[in-house]
């Protein structure tokens, strides 16, 4: 997928469309630059998962679903910071209204984090497989040629 396709997929996944954001005056909550930031933050995080044998980019990331879900977590965290900063409780004549309810963000965040954690393990296994395939026959040992040097060990000498 291209960067634009990831951005569009992320926007579709988080339902950040102008026509759905009535409370935001029909504007998108996250700009294209912010979505790109969330995607790049996600790729950076996945590249830090050991083993460090391969570095992924937007063009060659092996699991688009995982990347979009991790970018969604980054978006929820970022937008949750802004929302908690603007948290307001209003009271007028005994009627109390809370402008922001952070528990909704936290619930969504917890669900996504558990899904991503399972898929992260799969990505780590994928990186391990790449590492194993890159071994090209194993690790050299100075003892690997003992059997072919014309020497035979006679166990009776040692007992």
Protein backbone atom coordinates (compact mmCIF):
# COMPACT_ATOMS: atom_id res chain seq x y z
CA UNK A 1 0.00 0.00 0.00
CA UNK A 2 1.10 3.57 -0.57
CA UNK A 3 1.19 6.29 2.07
CA UNK A 4 -2.00 7.80 0.61
CA UNK A 5 -3.77 4.43 0.73
CA UNK A 6 -2.75 3.94 4.37
CA UNK A 7 -3.94 7.46 5.22
CA UNK A 8 -7.30 6.84 3.52
CA UNK A 9 -7.66 3.44 5.21
CA UNK A 10 -6.85 4.94 8.61
CA UNK A 11 -9.35 7.76 8.10
CA UNK A 12 -11.99 5.21 7.06
CA UNK A 13 -11.21 2.96 10.05
CA UNK A 14 -11.54 5.75 12.61
CA UNK A 15 -14.55 7.20 10.74
CA UNK A 16 -12.97 10.65 10.58
CA UNK A 17 -15.06 12.12 7.79
CA UNK A 18 -16.44 15.63 7.63
CA UNK A 19 -20.04 14.51 7.22
CA UNK A 20 -19.86 12.36 10.41
CA UNK A 21 -18.34 15.00 12.68
CA UNK A 22 -21.36 17.06 13.65
CA UNK A 23 -19.84 18.23 16.93
CA UNK A 24 -16.66 19.32 15.16
CA UNK A 25 -18.64 21.61 12.86
CA UNK A 26 -18.35 19.04 10.06
CA UNK A 27 -14.55 19.11 9.98
CA UNK A 28 -12.11 16.23 10.10
CA UNK A 29 -10.67 15.65 13.56
CA UNK A 30 -7.21 14.67 12.27
CA UNK A 31 -5.38 16.33 9.39
CA UNK A 32 -3.52 14.35 6.73
CA UNK A 33 -0.23 15.35 8.35
CA UNK A 34 -1.43 14.03 11.72
CA UNK A 35 -2.53 10.74 10.17
CA UNK A 36 0.87 10.42 8.48
CA UNK A 37 2.50 11.06 11.86
CA UNK A 38 0.45 8.27 13.50
CA UNK A 39 1.35 5.86 10.69
CA UNK A 40 5.06 6.71 10.90
CA UNK A 41 5.03 6.43 14.70
CA UNK A 42 3.51 2.96 14.33
CA UNK A 43 6.12 1.84 11.82
CA UNK A 44 8.88 3.11 14.12
CA UNK A 45 7.44 1.15 17.00
CA UNK A 46 7.20 -2.05 14.95
CA UNK A 47 10.77 -1.62 13.73
CA UNK A 48 11.89 -1.66 17.38
CA UNK A 49 10.48 -5.16 17.96
CA UNK A 50 13.39 -7.63 18.11
CA UNK A 51 15.05 -9.22 16.25
CA UNK A 52 16.37 -6.18 14.41
CA UNK A 53 17.03 -7.91 11.11
CA UNK A 54 14.63 -6.00 8.91
CA UNK A 55 13.35 -2.44 8.79
CA UNK A 56 9.85 -1.90 7.44
CA UNK A 57 8.53 1.15 5.64
CA UNK A 58 5.08 2.15 4.44
CA UNK A 59 5.78 0.50 1.09
CA UNK A 60 6.70 -2.95 2.43
CA UNK A 61 4.92 -3.35 5.76
CA UNK A 62 3.76 -6.99 5.88
CA UNK A 63 0.48 -6.54 7.78
CA UNK A 64 -1.60 -3.48 6.78
CA UNK A 65 -4.33 -4.26 9.30
CA UNK A 66 -1.85 -4.21 12.17
CA UNK A 67 -0.36 -0.92 10.99
CA UNK A 68 -3.79 0.73 10.73
CA UNK A 69 -4.83 -0.53 14.16
CA UNK A 70 -1.60 0.68 15.80
CA UNK A 71 -1.96 4.05 14.05
CA UNK A 72 -5.51 4.20 15.45
CA UNK A 73 -4.11 3.71 18.94
CA UNK A 74 -1.71 6.59 18.32
CA UNK A 75 -4.63 8.74 17.09
CA UNK A 76 -6.77 7.88 20.12
CA UNK A 77 -3.93 8.74 22.48
CA UNK A 78 -3.26 12.04 20.72
CA UNK A 79 -6.90 13.05 20.46
CA UNK A 80 -7.51 11.87 24.03
CA UNK A 81 -4.80 14.25 25.25
CA UNK A 82 -6.55 17.16 23.57
CA UNK A 83 -9.95 16.06 24.84
CA UNK A 84 -8.75 15.64 28.43
CA UNK A 85 -7.17 19.09 28.28
CA UNK A 86 -10.58 20.47 27.32
CA UNK A 87 -12.51 18.42 29.90
CA UNK A 88 -15.26 20.57 31.35
CA UNK A 89 -18.06 19.97 33.82
CA UNK A 90 -20.86 22.52 33.64
CA UNK A 91 -23.48 23.02 36.34
CA UNK A 92 -26.50 25.30 35.97
CA UNK A 93 -29.46 25.24 38.32
CA UNK A 94 -28.72 21.74 39.60
CA UNK A 95 -28.24 20.24 36.14
CA UNK A 96 -24.72 18.98 35.54
CA UNK A 97 -23.31 18.37 32.10
CA UNK A 98 -19.93 16.86 31.34
CA UNK A 99 -18.54 18.00 28.00
CA UNK A 100 -16.03 15.20 27.64
CA UNK A 101 -16.17 11.63 28.85
CA UNK A 102 -12.69 10.10 28.71
CA UNK A 103 -13.88 6.61 29.57
CA UNK A 104 -15.12 6.11 26.01
CA UNK A 105 -11.65 6.79 24.61
CA UNK A 106 -10.06 4.56 27.24
CA UNK A 107 -12.43 1.65 26.51
CA UNK A 108 -11.73 1.85 22.79
CA UNK A 109 -8.02 2.13 23.48
CA UNK A 110 -8.00 -0.97 25.71
CA UNK A 111 -9.83 -3.08 23.13
CA UNK A 112 -7.49 -2.02 20.34
CA UNK A 113 -4.39 -2.54 22.45
CA UNK A 114 -5.35 -6.14 23.20
CA UNK A 115 -6.01 -6.85 19.51
CA UNK A 116 -2.74 -5.22 18.45
CA UNK A 117 -0.77 -7.08 21.13
CA UNK A 118 -1.86 -10.43 19.69
CA UNK A 119 -0.95 -9.34 16.17
CA UNK A 120 2.37 -7.92 17.39
CA UNK A 121 3.37 -11.39 18.49
CA UNK A 122 2.71 -12.58 14.97
CA UNK A 123 4.87 -9.79 13.57
CA UNK A 124 7.68 -10.74 15.95
CA UNK A 125 7.45 -14.37 14.81
CA UNK A 126 7.60 -13.14 11.22
CA UNK A 127 10.78 -11.21 12.02
CA UNK A 128 12.24 -14.29 13.73
CA UNK A 129 11.48 -16.32 10.60
CA UNK A 130 13.27 -13.73 8.46
CA UNK A 131 16.22 -13.93 10.83
CA UNK A 132 16.31 -17.73 10.65
CA UNK A 133 16.04 -17.72 6.86
CA UNK A 134 18.93 -15.27 6.73
CA UNK A 135 21.18 -17.68 8.65
CA UNK A 136 22.33 -19.36 5.42
CA UNK A 137 23.19 -22.73 6.91
CA UNK A 138 24.07 -21.89 10.47
CA UNK A 139 26.84 -20.47 12.58
CA UNK A 140 30.43 -21.56 12.01
CA UNK A 141 32.20 -23.38 14.84
CA UNK A 142 35.92 -24.18 15.17
CA UNK A 143 34.92 -27.73 16.14
CA UNK A 144 32.84 -28.37 13.05
CA UNK A 145 35.73 -29.91 11.11
CA UNK A 146 37.08 -32.27 13.77
CA UNK A 147 35.49 -35.35 12.27
CA UNK A 148 37.14 -34.75 8.90
CA UNK A 149 40.71 -34.15 10.12
CA UNK A 150 41.58 -37.83 10.18
CA UNK A 151 41.41 -38.02 13.93
CA UNK A 152 39.16 -40.40 15.64
CA UNK A 153 38.45 -40.24 19.29
CA UNK A 154 38.86 -43.52 21.08
CA UNK A 155 36.54 -43.56 24.04
CA UNK A 156 38.54 -46.38 25.69
CA UNK A 157 41.44 -43.97 26.31
CA UNK A 158 39.30 -41.79 28.56
CA UNK A 159 37.79 -44.54 30.73
